[in-house]
Amino acid sequence: MTILSVCRSISSVIGIDRPFSVIGSTEREHQELADLAAEMCQRIAQVYPWSKLRRSLLLTAGEETYD
């Protein structure tokens, strides 16, 4: 799922032309969709405890070690 795919889905629901791109578009509605998507991404990032998804893994291949 991408920001563009979400904006394309939303645009058909709210009755505007489906964008081919929203980032860098000159259409006001497409800019608003991009701004709204960015705002919602920020809210999701702040609400969910993303640090719980992190874990460490040490890979060793031959004599090389990767962290």
PDB file of N, CA and C in Angstrom:
ATOM      1  N   MET A   1       0.850  -1.167   0.000  1.00  0.00           N
ATOM      2  CA  MET A   1       0.000   0.000   0.000  1.00  0.00           C
ATOM      3  C   MET A   1       0.898   1.233   0.000  1.00  0.00           C
ATOM      4  N   THR A   2       0.616   2.144  -0.889  1.00  0.00           N
ATOM      5  CA  THR A   2       1.381   3.385  -0.982  1.00  0.00           C
ATOM      6  C   THR A   2       0.469   4.572  -0.710  1.00  0.00           C
ATOM      7  N   ILE A   3       1.074   5.722  -0.488  1.00  0.00           N
ATOM      8  CA  ILE A   3       0.277   6.943  -0.311  1.00  0.00           C
ATOM      9  C   ILE A   3      -0.537   7.205  -1.571  1.00  0.00           C
ATOM     10  N   LEU A   4       0.062   6.964  -2.732  1.00  0.00           N
ATOM     11  CA  LEU A   4      -0.661   7.183  -3.984  1.00  0.00           C
ATOM     12  C   LEU A   4      -1.866   6.252  -4.085  1.00  0.00           C
ATOM     13  N   SER A   5      -1.694   4.972  -3.751  1.00  0.00           N
ATOM     14  CA  SER A   5      -2.829   4.048  -3.864  1.00  0.00           C
ATOM     15  C   SER A   5      -3.961   4.432  -2.914  1.00  0.00           C
ATOM     16  N   VAL A   6      -3.616   4.887  -1.715  1.00  0.00           N
ATOM     17  CA  VAL A   6      -4.639   5.343  -0.768  1.00  0.00           C
ATOM     18  C   VAL A   6      -5.339   6.582  -1.318  1.00  0.00           C
ATOM     19  N   CYS A   7      -4.576   7.543  -1.826  1.00  0.00           N
ATOM     20  CA  CYS A   7      -5.170   8.772  -2.372  1.00  0.00           C
ATOM     21  C   CYS A   7      -6.041   8.471  -3.579  1.00  0.00           C
ATOM     22  N   ARG A   8      -5.633   7.515  -4.399  1.00  0.00           N
ATOM     23  CA  ARG A   8      -6.460   7.141  -5.557  1.00  0.00           C
ATOM     24  C   ARG A   8      -7.780   6.533  -5.096  1.00  0.00           C
ATOM     25  N   SER A   9      -7.732   5.698  -4.074  1.00  0.00           N
ATOM     26  CA  SER A   9      -8.966   5.087  -3.558  1.00  0.00           C
ATOM     27  C   SER A   9      -9.885   6.138  -2.945  1.00  0.00           C
ATOM     28  N   ILE A  10      -9.303   7.026  -2.168  1.00  0.00           N
ATOM     29  CA  ILE A  10     -10.096   8.079  -1.527  1.00  0.00           C
ATOM     30  C   ILE A  10     -10.721   9.003  -2.558  1.00  0.00           C
ATOM     31  N   SER A  11      -9.976   9.332  -3.611  1.00  0.00           N
ATOM     32  CA  SER A  11     -10.473  10.292  -4.601  1.00  0.00           C
ATOM     33  C   SER A  11     -11.750   9.808  -5.270  1.00  0.00           C
ATOM     34  N   SER A  12     -11.855   8.513  -5.514  1.00  0.00           N
ATOM     35  CA  SER A  12     -13.085   8.020  -6.136  1.00  0.00           C
ATOM     36  C   SER A  12     -14.267   8.091  -5.169  1.00  0.00           C
ATOM     37  N   VAL A  13     -13.997   7.978  -3.880  1.00  0.00           N
ATOM     38  CA  VAL A  13     -15.064   8.066  -2.872  1.00  0.00           C
ATOM     39  C   VAL A  13     -15.549   9.501  -2.712  1.00  0.00           C
ATOM     40  N   ILE A  14     -14.607  10.468  -2.720  1.00  0.00           N
ATOM     41  CA  ILE A  14     -15.006  11.863  -2.497  1.00  0.00           C
ATOM     42  C   ILE A  14     -15.336  12.602  -3.787  1.00  0.00           C
ATOM     43  N   GLY A  15     -15.192  11.924  -4.934  1.00  0.00           N
ATOM     44  CA  GLY A  15     -15.660  12.488  -6.192  1.00  0.00           C
ATOM     45  C   GLY A  15     -14.715  13.443  -6.898  1.00  0.00           C
ATOM     46  N   ILE A  16     -13.409  13.199  -6.804  1.00  0.00           N
ATOM     47  CA  ILE A  16     -12.453  14.000  -7.577  1.00  0.00           C
ATOM     48  C   ILE A  16     -11.703  13.076  -8.523  1.00  0.00           C
ATOM     49  N   ASP A  17     -11.031  13.659  -9.512  1.00  0.00           N
ATOM     50  CA  ASP A  17     -10.266  12.861 -10.462  1.00  0.00           C
ATOM     51  C   ASP A  17      -9.192  12.053  -9.738  1.00  0.00           C
ATOM     52  N   ARG A  18      -9.000  10.807 -10.176  1.00  0.00           N
ATOM     53  CA  ARG A  18      -7.968   9.958  -9.573  1.00  0.00           C
ATOM     54  C   ARG A  18      -6.600  10.445 -10.014  1.00  0.00           C
ATOM     55  N   PRO A  19      -5.737  10.758  -9.075  1.00  0.00           N
ATOM     56  CA  PRO A  19      -4.416  11.299  -9.421  1.00  0.00           C
ATOM     57  C   PRO A  19      -3.465  10.226  -9.943  1.00  0.00           C
ATOM     58  N   PHE A  20      -2.563  10.642 -10.840  1.00  0.00           N
ATOM     59  CA  PHE A  20      -1.472   9.774 -11.273  1.00  0.00           C
ATOM     60  C   PHE A  20      -0.270   9.976 -10.357  1.00  0.00           C
ATOM     61  N   SER A  21      -0.238  11.138  -9.700  1.00  0.00           N
ATOM     62  CA  SER A  21       0.749  11.401  -8.649  1.00  0.00           C
ATOM     63  C   SER A  21       0.154  12.445  -7.721  1.00  0.00           C
ATOM     64  N   VAL A  22       0.561  12.408  -6.461  1.00  0.00           N
ATOM     65  CA  VAL A  22       0.098  13.420  -5.522  1.00  0.00           C
ATOM     66  C   VAL A  22       1.267  14.262  -5.023  1.00  0.00           C
ATOM     67  N   ILE A  23       2.434  13.666  -4.942  1.00  0.00           N
ATOM     68  CA  ILE A  23       3.617  14.400  -4.515  1.00  0.00           C
ATOM     69  C   ILE A  23       4.104  15.210  -5.703  1.00  0.00           C
ATOM     70  N   GLY A  24       4.096  16.515  -5.558  1.00  0.00           N
ATOM     71  CA  GLY A  24       4.519  17.396  -6.637  1.00  0.00           C
ATOM     72  C   GLY A  24       3.420  17.783  -7.607  1.00  0.00           C
ATOM     73  N   SER A  25       2.205  17.306  -7.383  1.00  0.00           N
ATOM     74  CA  SER A  25       1.091  17.665  -8.258  1.00  0.00           C
ATOM     75  C   SER A  25       0.746  19.139  -8.076  1.00  0.00           C
ATOM     76  N   THR A  26       0.266  19.762  -9.145  1.00  0.00           N
ATOM     77  CA  THR A  26      -0.146  21.162  -9.067  1.00  0.00           C
ATOM     78  C   THR A  26      -1.649  21.301  -8.797  1.00  0.00           C
ATOM     79  N   GLU A  27      -2.366  20.179  -8.803  1.00  0.00           N
ATOM     80  CA  GLU A  27      -3.795  20.212  -8.522  1.00  0.00           C
ATOM     81  C   GLU A  27      -4.019  20.416  -7.026  1.00  0.00           C
ATOM     82  N   ARG A  28      -4.850  21.385  -6.675  1.00  0.00           N
ATOM     83  CA  ARG A  28      -5.110  21.692  -5.268  1.00  0.00           C
ATOM     84  C   ARG A  28      -5.621  20.479  -4.508  1.00  0.00           C
ATOM     85  N   GLU A  29      -6.573  19.749  -5.094  1.00  0.00           N
ATOM     86  CA  GLU A  29      -7.143  18.595  -4.410  1.00  0.00           C
ATOM     87  C   GLU A  29      -6.084  17.519  -4.150  1.00  0.00           C
ATOM     88  N   HIS A  30      -5.195  17.331  -5.101  1.00  0.00           N
ATOM     89  CA  HIS A  30      -4.151  16.323  -4.939  1.00  0.00           C
ATOM     90  C   HIS A  30      -3.138  16.748  -3.879  1.00  0.00           C
ATOM     91  N   GLN A  31      -2.842  18.024  -3.817  1.00  0.00           N
ATOM     92  CA  GLN A  31      -1.957  18.532  -2.768  1.00  0.00           C
ATOM     93  C   GLN A  31      -2.595  18.336  -1.395  1.00  0.00           C
ATOM     94  N   GLU A  32      -3.898  18.568  -1.312  1.00  0.00           N
ATOM     95  CA  GLU A  32      -4.607  18.380  -0.052  1.00  0.00           C
ATOM     96  C   GLU A  32      -4.606  16.910   0.370  1.00  0.00           C
ATOM     97  N   LEU A  33      -4.793  16.014  -0.600  1.00  0.00           N
ATOM     98  CA  LEU A  33      -4.727  14.591  -0.288  1.00  0.00           C
ATOM     99  C   LEU A  33      -3.340  14.207   0.234  1.00  0.00           C
ATOM    100  N   ALA A  34      -2.294  14.714  -0.400  1.00  0.00           N
ATOM    101  CA  ALA A  34      -0.930  14.418   0.038  1.00  0.00           C
ATOM    102  C   ALA A  34      -0.680  14.966   1.440  1.00  0.00           C
ATOM    103  N   ASP A  35      -1.145  16.185   1.708  1.00  0.00           N
ATOM    104  CA  ASP A  35      -0.983  16.773   3.036  1.00  0.00           C
ATOM    105  C   ASP A  35      -1.728  15.959   4.098  1.00  0.00           C
ATOM    106  N   LEU A  36      -2.941  15.540   3.779  1.00  0.00           N
ATOM    107  CA  LEU A  36      -3.728  14.740   4.708  1.00  0.00           C
ATOM    108  C   LEU A  36      -3.067  13.389   4.954  1.00  0.00           C
ATOM    109  N   ALA A  37      -2.563  12.769   3.907  1.00  0.00           N
ATOM    110  CA  ALA A  37      -1.874  11.483   4.059  1.00  0.00           C
ATOM    111  C   ALA A  37      -0.641  11.632   4.939  1.00  0.00           C
ATOM    112  N   ALA A  38       0.135  12.693   4.743  1.00  0.00           N
ATOM    113  CA  ALA A  38       1.325  12.928   5.569  1.00  0.00           C
ATOM    114  C   ALA A  38       0.942  13.142   7.033  1.00  0.00           C
ATOM    115  N   GLU A  39      -0.126  13.874   7.262  1.00  0.00           N
ATOM    116  CA  GLU A  39      -0.598  14.116   8.624  1.00  0.00           C
ATOM    117  C   GLU A  39      -1.020  12.807   9.287  1.00  0.00           C
ATOM    118  N   MET A  40      -1.739  11.976   8.570  1.00  0.00           N
ATOM    119  CA  MET A  40      -2.189  10.707   9.132  1.00  0.00           C
ATOM    120  C   MET A  40      -1.014   9.769   9.389  1.00  0.00           C
ATOM    121  N   CYS A  41      -0.019   9.778   8.524  1.00  0.00           N
ATOM    122  CA  CYS A  41       1.186   8.968   8.753  1.00  0.00           C
ATOM    123  C   CYS A  41       1.889   9.405  10.031  1.00  0.00           C
ATOM    124  N   GLN A  42       1.969  10.706  10.255  1.00  0.00           N
ATOM    125  CA  GLN A  42       2.575  11.216  11.485  1.00  0.00           C
ATOM    126  C   GLN A  42       1.789  10.771  12.712  1.00  0.00           C
ATOM    127  N   ARG A  43       0.476  10.835  12.631  1.00  0.00           N
ATOM    128  CA  ARG A  43      -0.357  10.416  13.767  1.00  0.00           C
ATOM    129  C   ARG A  43      -0.181   8.931  14.062  1.00  0.00           C
ATOM    130  N   ILE A  44      -0.176   8.114  13.015  1.00  0.00           N
ATOM    131  CA  ILE A  44       0.016   6.676  13.207  1.00  0.00           C
ATOM    132  C   ILE A  44       1.384   6.410  13.823  1.00  0.00           C
ATOM    133  N   ALA A  45       2.402   7.099  13.350  1.00  0.00           N
ATOM    134  CA  ALA A  45       3.759   6.909  13.869  1.00  0.00           C
ATOM    135  C   ALA A  45       3.847   7.277  15.348  1.00  0.00           C
ATOM    136  N   GLN A  46       3.094   8.289  15.773  1.00  0.00           N
ATOM    137  CA  GLN A  46       3.134   8.728  17.166  1.00  0.00           C
ATOM    138  C   GLN A  46       2.324   7.823  18.093  1.00  0.00           C
ATOM    139  N   VAL A  47       1.280   7.200  17.585  1.00  0.00           N
ATOM    140  CA  VAL A  47       0.382   6.411  18.417  1.00  0.00           C
ATOM    141  C   VAL A  47       0.895   4.991  18.643  1.00  0.00           C
ATOM    142  N   TYR A  48       1.483   4.386  17.634  1.00  0.00           N
ATOM    143  CA  TYR A  48       1.879   2.986  17.737  1.00  0.00           C
ATOM    144  C   TYR A  48       3.264   2.859  18.361  1.00  0.00           C
ATOM    145  N   PRO A  49       3.473   1.892  19.259  1.00  0.00           N
ATOM    146  CA  PRO A  49       4.785   1.698  19.889  1.00  0.00           C
ATOM    147  C   PRO A  49       5.748   0.967  18.943  1.00  0.00           C
ATOM    148  N   TRP A  50       6.243   1.674  17.942  1.00  0.00           N
ATOM    149  CA  TRP A  50       7.087   1.067  16.909  1.00  0.00           C
ATOM    150  C   TRP A  50       8.368   0.461  17.462  1.00  0.00           C
ATOM    151  N   SER A  51       8.856   0.951  18.583  1.00  0.00           N
ATOM    152  CA  SER A  51      10.094   0.409  19.132  1.00  0.00           C
ATOM    153  C   SER A  51       9.946  -1.061  19.513  1.00  0.00           C
ATOM    154  N   LYS A  52       8.746  -1.514  19.770  1.00  0.00           N
ATOM    155  CA  LYS A  52       8.529  -2.918  20.099  1.00  0.00           C
ATOM    156  C   LYS A  52       8.789  -3.824  18.898  1.00  0.00           C
ATOM    157  N   LEU A  53       8.795  -3.279  17.708  1.00  0.00           N
ATOM    158  CA  LEU A  53       9.032  -4.073  16.504  1.00  0.00           C
ATOM    159  C   LEU A  53      10.520  -4.266  16.225  1.00  0.00           C
ATOM    160  N   ARG A  54      11.363  -3.553  16.922  1.00  0.00           N
ATOM    161  CA  ARG A  54      12.801  -3.629  16.681  1.00  0.00           C
ATOM    162  C   ARG A  54      13.405  -4.820  17.410  1.00  0.00           C
ATOM    163  N   ARG A  55      14.337  -5.480  16.749  1.00  0.00           N
ATOM    164  CA  ARG A  55      15.113  -6.518  17.404  1.00  0.00           C
ATOM    165  C   ARG A  55      16.479  -6.572  16.745  1.00  0.00           C
ATOM    166  N   SER A  56      17.430  -7.058  17.473  1.00  0.00           N
ATOM    167  CA  SER A  56      18.796  -7.149  16.978  1.00  0.00           C
ATOM    168  C   SER A  56      19.040  -8.510  16.369  1.00  0.00           C
ATOM    169  N   LEU A  57      19.881  -8.524  15.368  1.00  0.00           N
ATOM    170  CA  LEU A  57      20.237  -9.761  14.709  1.00  0.00           C
ATOM    171  C   LEU A  57      21.691  -9.658  14.289  1.00  0.00           C
ATOM    172  N   LEU A  58      22.463 -10.656  14.578  1.00  0.00           N
ATOM    173  CA  LEU A  58      23.868 -10.699  14.214  1.00  0.00           C
ATOM    174  C   LEU A  58      24.056 -11.788  13.181  1.00  0.00           C
ATOM    175  N   LEU A  59      24.555 -11.405  12.006  1.00  0.00           N
ATOM    176  CA  LEU A  59      24.793 -12.361  10.924  1.00  0.00           C
ATOM    177  C   LEU A  59      26.291 -12.546  10.757  1.00  0.00           C
ATOM    178  N   THR A  60      26.707 -13.766  10.619  1.00  0.00           N
ATOM    179  CA  THR A  60      28.121 -14.049  10.359  1.00  0.00           C
ATOM    180  C   THR A  60      28.201 -14.871   9.079  1.00  0.00           C
ATOM    181  N   ALA A  61      28.982 -14.408   8.132  1.00  0.00           N
ATOM    182  CA  ALA A  61      29.179 -15.108   6.864  1.00  0.00           C
ATOM    183  C   ALA A  61      30.685 -15.256   6.647  1.00  0.00           C
ATOM    184  N   GLY A  62      31.174 -16.453   6.806  1.00  0.00           N
ATOM    185  CA  GLY A  62      32.613 -16.665   6.685  1.00  0.00           C
ATOM    186  C   GLY A  62      33.309 -15.933   7.801  1.00  0.00           C
ATOM    187  N   GLU A  63      34.234 -15.047   7.439  1.00  0.00           N
ATOM    188  CA  GLU A  63      34.946 -14.267   8.431  1.00  0.00           C
ATOM    189  C   GLU A  63      34.339 -12.891   8.639  1.00  0.00           C
ATOM    190  N   GLU A  64      33.303 -12.562   7.871  1.00  0.00           N
ATOM    191  CA  GLU A  64      32.656 -11.259   7.968  1.00  0.00           C
ATOM    192  C   GLU A  64      31.501 -11.315   8.983  1.00  0.00           C
ATOM    193  N   THR A  65      31.345 -10.271   9.757  1.00  0.00           N
ATOM    194  CA  THR A  65      30.235 -10.164  10.715  1.00  0.00           C
ATOM    195  C   THR A  65      29.451  -8.905  10.412  1.00  0.00           C
ATOM    196  N   TYR A  66      28.138  -9.021  10.365  1.00  0.00           N
ATOM    197  CA  TYR A  66      27.262  -7.898  10.056  1.00  0.00           C
ATOM    198  C   TYR A  66      26.294  -7.665  11.214  1.00  0.00           C
ATOM    199  N   ASP A  67      26.195  -6.418  11.677  1.00  0.00           N
ATOM    200  CA  ASP A  67      25.226  -6.067  12.724  1.00  0.00           C
ATOM    201  C   ASP A  67      24.000  -5.458  12.097  1.00  0.00           C
TER     202      ASP A  67
END
